[in-house]
Amino acid sequence: MEKSKIRGIYEYVFRRGTTVSETARNINAVFGEGSTTKATVGDWFKNFRDGDFSLANEPRGRPKTKVDNDHLRAVVESDPSQSTRELASIFNVSIPTILVHLAAIVSLSNRAELDVRDQERGESSRGVPVEVTVGVVDSSTRRRLIDRSR
């Protein structure tokens, strides 16, 4: 069942004075186990007690990225021999995060080539040698690069 419909039910049963446990049990009995939990019902009942009867999702937004792709591009162009480990250290992020941003830079550029070689330095991420030569990268290749670095 859609969340918006269940939220309407939460408000209805709250206004009827039904308890959290009884509400969760009844909803799961009618719509199937796992449709809701006591914790979820309790959260909604708390909102209603506080006077918030909005049933819409609260916008969460995206966290601000720590890596500016233009800055990363400038750093890589100034010294293309840097390893992903070094780049991750410079930007204070993980190696998979750097790989995602490198792939984004390359996919946005006009067939620019970017060579990042950790293996030449004998470095690896979690014991797995990392050597990435990125041309124009599509989304499936990007996922493989990220999976390989884990």
N, C-alpha and C. Protein backbone atom coordinates (compact mmCIF):
# COMPACT_ATOMS: atom_id res chain seq x y z
N MET A 1 0.84 -1.18 0.00
CA MET A 1 0.00 0.00 0.00
C MET A 1 0.89 1.24 0.00
N GLU A 2 0.42 2.28 -0.65
CA GLU A 2 1.18 3.53 -0.74
C GLU A 2 1.30 4.18 0.64
N LYS A 3 2.47 4.77 0.89
CA LYS A 3 2.72 5.41 2.17
C LYS A 3 1.71 6.51 2.46
N SER A 4 1.36 7.28 1.43
CA SER A 4 0.43 8.40 1.66
C SER A 4 -0.93 7.90 2.16
N LYS A 5 -1.36 6.74 1.70
CA LYS A 5 -2.64 6.20 2.16
C LYS A 5 -2.55 5.72 3.61
N ILE A 6 -1.44 5.05 3.93
CA ILE A 6 -1.27 4.58 5.31
C ILE A 6 -1.16 5.78 6.25
N ARG A 7 -0.53 6.86 5.82
CA ARG A 7 -0.42 8.05 6.66
C ARG A 7 -1.79 8.62 6.98
N GLY A 8 -2.67 8.58 6.00
CA GLY A 8 -4.05 9.02 6.25
C GLY A 8 -4.74 8.16 7.29
N ILE A 9 -4.44 6.86 7.24
CA ILE A 9 -5.00 5.94 8.23
C ILE A 9 -4.43 6.27 9.61
N TYR A 10 -3.12 6.57 9.69
CA TYR A 10 -2.52 6.95 10.97
C TYR A 10 -3.28 8.11 11.60
N GLU A 11 -3.55 9.14 10.79
CA GLU A 11 -4.25 10.31 11.32
C GLU A 11 -5.66 9.92 11.79
N TYR A 12 -6.35 9.13 11.00
CA TYR A 12 -7.72 8.71 11.35
C TYR A 12 -7.73 7.97 12.69
N VAL A 13 -6.87 6.96 12.84
CA VAL A 13 -6.88 6.17 14.08
C VAL A 13 -6.37 6.99 15.26
N PHE A 14 -5.46 7.93 15.01
CA PHE A 14 -5.00 8.82 16.07
C PHE A 14 -6.18 9.63 16.61
N ARG A 15 -6.96 10.19 15.71
CA ARG A 15 -8.12 11.01 16.10
C ARG A 15 -9.19 10.17 16.81
N ARG A 16 -9.22 8.88 16.54
CA ARG A 16 -10.17 7.98 17.22
C ARG A 16 -9.67 7.59 18.60
N GLY A 17 -8.38 7.83 18.88
CA GLY A 17 -7.84 7.51 20.20
C GLY A 17 -7.26 6.12 20.32
N THR A 18 -6.96 5.50 19.20
CA THR A 18 -6.38 4.15 19.19
C THR A 18 -4.92 4.23 19.64
N THR A 19 -4.46 3.20 20.35
CA THR A 19 -3.07 3.18 20.81
C THR A 19 -2.12 2.85 19.67
N VAL A 20 -0.84 3.13 19.89
CA VAL A 20 0.20 2.85 18.89
C VAL A 20 0.25 1.36 18.60
N SER A 21 0.29 0.53 19.64
CA SER A 21 0.39 -0.92 19.44
C SER A 21 -0.81 -1.48 18.70
N GLU A 22 -1.99 -1.03 19.10
CA GLU A 22 -3.21 -1.50 18.46
C GLU A 22 -3.26 -1.08 16.99
N THR A 23 -2.83 0.16 16.72
CA THR A 23 -2.82 0.66 15.35
C THR A 23 -1.88 -0.17 14.48
N ALA A 24 -0.66 -0.41 14.96
CA ALA A 24 0.31 -1.19 14.18
C ALA A 24 -0.21 -2.59 13.93
N ARG A 25 -0.77 -3.20 14.97
CA ARG A 25 -1.30 -4.57 14.85
C ARG A 25 -2.45 -4.62 13.82
N ASN A 26 -3.37 -3.67 13.89
CA ASN A 26 -4.52 -3.66 12.98
C ASN A 26 -4.10 -3.41 11.53
N ILE A 27 -3.20 -2.46 11.32
CA ILE A 27 -2.75 -2.17 9.95
C ILE A 27 -2.04 -3.37 9.35
N ASN A 28 -1.19 -4.02 10.13
CA ASN A 28 -0.48 -5.20 9.64
C ASN A 28 -1.43 -6.37 9.39
N ALA A 29 -2.49 -6.47 10.19
CA ALA A 29 -3.47 -7.55 10.00
C ALA A 29 -4.23 -7.35 8.70
N VAL A 30 -4.55 -6.11 8.37
CA VAL A 30 -5.35 -5.83 7.18
C VAL A 30 -4.50 -5.78 5.92
N PHE A 31 -3.35 -5.10 5.99
CA PHE A 31 -2.54 -4.86 4.79
C PHE A 31 -1.32 -5.77 4.66
N GLY A 32 -1.11 -6.64 5.63
CA GLY A 32 0.01 -7.58 5.56
C GLY A 32 1.13 -7.21 6.51
N GLU A 33 1.75 -8.25 7.05
CA GLU A 33 2.87 -8.03 7.97
C GLU A 33 3.94 -7.19 7.30
N GLY A 34 4.51 -6.28 8.07
CA GLY A 34 5.56 -5.42 7.54
C GLY A 34 5.04 -4.15 6.90
N SER A 35 3.71 -3.96 6.90
CA SER A 35 3.16 -2.73 6.31
C SER A 35 3.54 -1.52 7.15
N THR A 36 3.65 -1.73 8.46
CA THR A 36 4.07 -0.65 9.35
C THR A 36 4.73 -1.26 10.57
N THR A 37 5.30 -0.41 11.40
CA THR A 37 5.90 -0.85 12.66
C THR A 37 5.38 0.04 13.77
N LYS A 38 5.54 -0.43 15.02
CA LYS A 38 5.14 0.40 16.16
C LYS A 38 5.94 1.69 16.18
N ALA A 39 7.21 1.61 15.82
CA ALA A 39 8.06 2.81 15.83
C ALA A 39 7.55 3.85 14.84
N THR A 40 7.16 3.40 13.65
CA THR A 40 6.65 4.33 12.63
C THR A 40 5.35 4.96 13.09
N VAL A 41 4.44 4.13 13.60
CA VAL A 41 3.17 4.66 14.10
C VAL A 41 3.44 5.65 15.24
N GLY A 42 4.35 5.29 16.13
CA GLY A 42 4.69 6.17 17.25
C GLY A 42 5.23 7.51 16.78
N ASP A 43 6.07 7.49 15.75
CA ASP A 43 6.61 8.75 15.20
C ASP A 43 5.50 9.64 14.67
N TRP A 44 4.57 9.02 13.92
CA TRP A 44 3.46 9.81 13.36
C TRP A 44 2.54 10.32 14.47
N PHE A 45 2.26 9.49 15.47
CA PHE A 45 1.41 9.94 16.57
C PHE A 45 2.07 11.10 17.32
N LYS A 46 3.39 11.06 17.46
CA LYS A 46 4.10 12.17 18.12
C LYS A 46 3.91 13.45 17.32
N ASN A 47 4.07 13.36 15.99
CA ASN A 47 3.84 14.54 15.14
C ASN A 47 2.43 15.09 15.36
N PHE A 48 1.44 14.19 15.39
CA PHE A 48 0.06 14.63 15.55
C PHE A 48 -0.15 15.27 16.93
N ARG A 49 0.42 14.69 17.99
CA ARG A 49 0.30 15.27 19.33
C ARG A 49 0.93 16.66 19.38
N ASP A 50 2.01 16.85 18.58
CA ASP A 50 2.69 18.15 18.53
C ASP A 50 1.96 19.15 17.63
N GLY A 51 0.85 18.73 17.05
CA GLY A 51 0.06 19.62 16.22
C GLY A 51 0.42 19.62 14.75
N ASP A 52 1.33 18.74 14.35
CA ASP A 52 1.74 18.66 12.94
C ASP A 52 0.93 17.55 12.26
N PHE A 53 -0.06 17.95 11.46
CA PHE A 53 -0.89 16.98 10.77
C PHE A 53 -0.56 16.89 9.28
N SER A 54 0.60 17.41 8.90
CA SER A 54 1.03 17.31 7.51
C SER A 54 1.42 15.86 7.23
N LEU A 55 0.93 15.33 6.14
CA LEU A 55 1.23 13.93 5.79
C LEU A 55 2.28 13.83 4.69
N ALA A 56 2.83 14.97 4.28
CA ALA A 56 3.81 15.00 3.19
C ALA A 56 5.20 14.65 3.72
N ASN A 57 6.04 14.18 2.81
CA ASN A 57 7.44 13.94 3.15
C ASN A 57 8.13 15.26 3.40
N GLU A 58 9.00 15.28 4.39
CA GLU A 58 9.81 16.47 4.63
C GLU A 58 10.97 16.46 3.65
N PRO A 59 11.25 17.59 3.02
CA PRO A 59 12.40 17.60 2.12
C PRO A 59 13.68 17.39 2.92
N ARG A 60 14.49 16.48 2.47
CA ARG A 60 15.73 16.17 3.18
C ARG A 60 16.93 16.85 2.54
N GLY A 61 16.84 17.07 1.24
CA GLY A 61 17.98 17.68 0.56
C GLY A 61 19.15 16.73 0.46
N ARG A 62 20.10 17.11 -0.29
CA ARG A 62 21.31 16.33 -0.45
C ARG A 62 22.43 16.98 0.33
N PRO A 63 23.28 16.19 0.95
CA PRO A 63 24.41 16.81 1.62
C PRO A 63 25.32 17.48 0.59
N LYS A 64 25.93 18.56 1.01
CA LYS A 64 26.84 19.28 0.12
C LYS A 64 28.04 18.38 -0.18
N THR A 65 28.40 18.30 -1.44
CA THR A 65 29.53 17.46 -1.82
C THR A 65 30.83 18.07 -1.32
N LYS A 66 31.75 17.20 -0.90
CA LYS A 66 33.04 17.66 -0.41
C LYS A 66 34.02 17.89 -1.56
N VAL A 67 33.71 17.35 -2.72
CA VAL A 67 34.64 17.43 -3.84
C VAL A 67 34.04 18.30 -4.94
N ASP A 68 34.72 19.39 -5.24
CA ASP A 68 34.34 20.25 -6.35
C ASP A 68 35.03 19.67 -7.59
N ASN A 69 34.24 19.24 -8.57
CA ASN A 69 34.82 18.58 -9.75
C ASN A 69 35.79 19.47 -10.50
N ASP A 70 35.53 20.78 -10.55
CA ASP A 70 36.46 21.69 -11.23
C ASP A 70 37.80 21.73 -10.50
N HIS A 71 37.75 21.76 -9.17
CA HIS A 71 38.99 21.76 -8.39
C HIS A 71 39.73 20.43 -8.56
N LEU A 72 38.98 19.32 -8.54
CA LEU A 72 39.60 18.00 -8.75
C LEU A 72 40.27 17.93 -10.11
N ARG A 73 39.59 18.42 -11.14
CA ARG A 73 40.16 18.43 -12.49
C ARG A 73 41.47 19.22 -12.51
N ALA A 74 41.49 20.38 -11.86
CA ALA A 74 42.70 21.21 -11.83
C ALA A 74 43.83 20.49 -11.11
N VAL A 75 43.52 19.82 -10.00
CA VAL A 75 44.54 19.10 -9.25
C VAL A 75 45.11 17.96 -10.09
N VAL A 76 44.24 17.21 -10.77
CA VAL A 76 44.70 16.09 -11.60
C VAL A 76 45.51 16.59 -12.78
N GLU A 77 45.05 17.67 -13.42
CA GLU A 77 45.78 18.20 -14.57
C GLU A 77 47.14 18.75 -14.17
N SER A 78 47.25 19.27 -12.94
CA SER A 78 48.54 19.80 -12.50
C SER A 78 49.55 18.68 -12.24
N ASP A 79 49.07 17.50 -11.83
CA ASP A 79 49.95 16.35 -11.61
C ASP A 79 49.17 15.07 -11.89
N PRO A 80 49.12 14.63 -13.15
CA PRO A 80 48.34 13.44 -13.51
C PRO A 80 48.86 12.13 -12.93
N SER A 81 50.04 12.15 -12.34
CA SER A 81 50.59 10.90 -11.80
C SER A 81 50.09 10.60 -10.39
N GLN A 82 49.27 11.47 -9.83
CA GLN A 82 48.79 11.25 -8.47
C GLN A 82 47.88 10.02 -8.41
N SER A 83 48.00 9.29 -7.34
CA SER A 83 47.17 8.10 -7.16
C SER A 83 45.81 8.50 -6.61
N THR A 84 44.88 7.58 -6.72
CA THR A 84 43.56 7.85 -6.15
C THR A 84 43.65 7.99 -4.64
N ARG A 85 44.57 7.27 -4.03
CA ARG A 85 44.78 7.39 -2.58
C ARG A 85 45.24 8.80 -2.23
N GLU A 86 46.16 9.34 -3.02
CA GLU A 86 46.64 10.71 -2.77
C GLU A 86 45.51 11.72 -2.98
N LEU A 87 44.74 11.54 -4.04
CA LEU A 87 43.63 12.45 -4.30
C LEU A 87 42.59 12.37 -3.18
N ALA A 88 42.31 11.16 -2.72
CA ALA A 88 41.36 11.00 -1.62
C ALA A 88 41.86 11.71 -0.37
N SER A 89 43.15 11.63 -0.13
CA SER A 89 43.74 12.31 1.02
C SER A 89 43.65 13.83 0.89
N ILE A 90 43.94 14.34 -0.30
CA ILE A 90 43.87 15.79 -0.54
C ILE A 90 42.47 16.32 -0.28
N PHE A 91 41.46 15.58 -0.74
CA PHE A 91 40.07 16.04 -0.61
C PHE A 91 39.38 15.51 0.64
N ASN A 92 40.11 14.70 1.42
CA ASN A 92 39.58 14.15 2.67
C ASN A 92 38.29 13.35 2.44
N VAL A 93 38.33 12.48 1.44
CA VAL A 93 37.20 11.60 1.12
C VAL A 93 37.74 10.20 0.86
N SER A 94 36.84 9.25 0.65
CA SER A 94 37.26 7.87 0.38
C SER A 94 37.69 7.71 -1.08
N ILE A 95 38.39 6.63 -1.34
CA ILE A 95 38.82 6.32 -2.70
C ILE A 95 37.62 6.10 -3.63
N PRO A 96 36.58 5.35 -3.20
CA PRO A 96 35.41 5.23 -4.09
C PRO A 96 34.77 6.58 -4.43
N THR A 97 34.78 7.51 -3.48
CA THR A 97 34.22 8.84 -3.76
C THR A 97 35.04 9.54 -4.83
N ILE A 98 36.37 9.46 -4.73
CA ILE A 98 37.23 10.07 -5.75
C ILE A 98 36.97 9.43 -7.10
N LEU A 99 36.82 8.10 -7.13
CA LEU A 99 36.56 7.42 -8.40
C LEU A 99 35.25 7.88 -9.03
N VAL A 100 34.23 8.09 -8.22
CA VAL A 100 32.95 8.58 -8.75
C VAL A 100 33.13 9.96 -9.38
N HIS A 101 33.87 10.83 -8.69
CA HIS A 101 34.07 12.18 -9.21
C HIS A 101 34.98 12.18 -10.44
N LEU A 102 35.99 11.32 -10.45
CA LEU A 102 36.84 11.22 -11.64
C LEU A 102 36.01 10.75 -12.83
N ALA A 103 35.17 9.76 -12.61
CA ALA A 103 34.31 9.27 -13.70
C ALA A 103 33.37 10.36 -14.18
N ALA A 104 32.84 11.16 -13.25
CA ALA A 104 31.94 12.25 -13.64
C ALA A 104 32.68 13.29 -14.46
N ILE A 105 33.90 13.60 -14.07
CA ILE A 105 34.70 14.58 -14.81
C ILE A 105 34.92 14.09 -16.23
N VAL A 106 35.30 12.84 -16.35
CA VAL A 106 35.63 12.28 -17.66
C VAL A 106 34.38 12.18 -18.52
N SER A 107 33.25 11.77 -17.93
CA SER A 107 32.04 11.63 -18.73
C SER A 107 31.53 12.98 -19.21
N LEU A 108 31.87 14.04 -18.50
CA LEU A 108 31.44 15.38 -18.90
C LEU A 108 32.38 16.02 -19.91
N SER A 109 33.60 15.55 -19.95
CA SER A 109 34.56 16.17 -20.86
C SER A 109 34.41 15.59 -22.26
N ASN A 110 35.02 16.24 -23.21
CA ASN A 110 34.94 15.80 -24.61
C ASN A 110 36.03 14.77 -24.89
N ARG A 111 35.71 13.54 -24.54
CA ARG A 111 36.61 12.42 -24.77
C ARG A 111 38.02 12.64 -24.22
N ALA A 112 38.09 13.36 -23.10
CA ALA A 112 39.38 13.55 -22.45
C ALA A 112 39.80 12.22 -21.83
N GLU A 113 41.07 12.00 -21.74
CA GLU A 113 41.55 10.78 -21.10
C GLU A 113 42.23 11.14 -19.81
N LEU A 114 42.02 10.30 -18.84
CA LEU A 114 42.57 10.54 -17.53
C LEU A 114 43.18 9.22 -17.06
N ASP A 115 44.44 9.23 -16.74
CA ASP A 115 45.09 8.02 -16.25
C ASP A 115 45.42 8.20 -14.79
N VAL A 116 44.94 7.30 -13.97
CA VAL A 116 45.26 7.30 -12.55
C VAL A 116 45.75 5.91 -12.24
N ARG A 117 46.99 5.81 -11.79
CA ARG A 117 47.54 4.47 -11.58
C ARG A 117 48.09 4.34 -10.16
N ASP A 118 47.40 3.57 -9.36
CA ASP A 118 47.88 3.25 -8.03
C ASP A 118 48.83 2.05 -8.08
N GLN A 119 48.57 1.14 -9.01
CA GLN A 119 49.33 -0.10 -9.06
C GLN A 119 50.81 0.18 -9.30
N GLU A 120 51.12 1.22 -10.06
CA GLU A 120 52.52 1.54 -10.33
C GLU A 120 53.27 1.86 -9.04
N ARG A 121 52.54 2.38 -8.07
CA ARG A 121 53.16 2.71 -6.79
C ARG A 121 53.04 1.54 -5.80
N GLY A 122 52.40 0.47 -6.23
CA GLY A 122 52.21 -0.67 -5.35
C GLY A 122 51.15 -0.41 -4.29
N GLU A 123 50.32 0.62 -4.50
CA GLU A 123 49.28 0.94 -3.53
C GLU A 123 48.01 0.21 -3.90
N SER A 124 47.19 -0.01 -2.91
CA SER A 124 45.92 -0.66 -3.17
C SER A 124 44.90 -0.19 -2.14
N SER A 125 43.66 -0.46 -2.45
CA SER A 125 42.57 -0.15 -1.54
C SER A 125 42.05 -1.45 -0.98
N ARG A 126 42.13 -1.62 0.33
CA ARG A 126 41.66 -2.85 1.00
C ARG A 126 42.31 -4.09 0.40
N GLY A 127 43.56 -3.98 0.04
CA GLY A 127 44.29 -5.14 -0.45
C GLY A 127 44.05 -5.47 -1.90
N VAL A 128 43.23 -4.70 -2.60
CA VAL A 128 42.95 -4.97 -4.00
C VAL A 128 43.69 -3.94 -4.84
N PRO A 129 44.58 -4.37 -5.75
CA PRO A 129 45.28 -3.39 -6.58
C PRO A 129 44.29 -2.56 -7.39
N VAL A 130 44.58 -1.28 -7.46
CA VAL A 130 43.68 -0.38 -8.18
C VAL A 130 44.43 0.23 -9.34
N GLU A 131 43.92 0.02 -10.54
CA GLU A 131 44.45 0.70 -11.70
C GLU A 131 43.24 1.12 -12.52
N VAL A 132 43.11 2.40 -12.70
CA VAL A 132 41.95 2.90 -13.41
C VAL A 132 42.43 3.74 -14.57
N THR A 133 42.05 3.35 -15.75
CA THR A 133 42.27 4.18 -16.93
C THR A 133 40.88 4.49 -17.45
N VAL A 134 40.52 5.75 -17.39
CA VAL A 134 39.16 6.14 -17.68
C VAL A 134 39.11 6.94 -18.96
N GLY A 135 38.30 6.49 -19.91
CA GLY A 135 38.01 7.27 -21.11
C GLY A 135 36.64 7.88 -20.90
N VAL A 136 35.81 7.83 -21.88
CA VAL A 136 34.43 8.27 -21.69
C VAL A 136 33.71 7.13 -20.99
N VAL A 137 33.16 7.40 -19.80
CA VAL A 137 32.63 6.36 -18.94
C VAL A 137 31.11 6.42 -18.91
N ASP A 138 30.48 5.28 -19.19
CA ASP A 138 29.03 5.22 -19.05
C ASP A 138 28.69 4.75 -17.64
N SER A 139 27.42 4.75 -17.27
CA SER A 139 27.03 4.46 -15.89
C SER A 139 27.38 3.04 -15.47
N SER A 140 27.29 2.06 -16.36
CA SER A 140 27.62 0.69 -15.96
C SER A 140 29.12 0.55 -15.69
N THR A 141 29.94 1.22 -16.48
CA THR A 141 31.38 1.20 -16.24
C THR A 141 31.70 1.90 -14.93
N ARG A 142 31.04 3.01 -14.66
CA ARG A 142 31.26 3.74 -13.42
C ARG A 142 30.96 2.84 -12.23
N ARG A 143 29.84 2.08 -12.29
CA ARG A 143 29.50 1.18 -11.19
C ARG A 143 30.58 0.11 -11.02
N ARG A 144 31.10 -0.42 -12.13
CA ARG A 144 32.16 -1.43 -12.03
C ARG A 144 33.40 -0.84 -11.39
N LEU A 145 33.75 0.39 -11.72
CA LEU A 145 34.92 1.04 -11.12
C LEU A 145 34.75 1.17 -9.62
N ILE A 146 33.56 1.57 -9.21
CA ILE A 146 33.31 1.74 -7.79
C ILE A 146 33.35 0.39 -7.09
N ASP A 147 32.71 -0.62 -7.67
CA ASP A 147 32.71 -1.95 -7.07
C ASP A 147 34.11 -2.51 -6.96
N ARG A 148 34.94 -2.28 -7.97
CA ARG A 148 36.31 -2.80 -7.98
C ARG A 148 37.14 -2.18 -6.86
N SER A 149 36.85 -0.92 -6.52
CA SER A 149 37.66 -0.22 -5.52
C SER A 149 37.30 -0.61 -4.10
N ARG A 150 36.19 -1.33 -3.92
CA ARG A 150 35.76 -1.69 -2.55
C ARG A 150 36.46 -2.91 -2.06
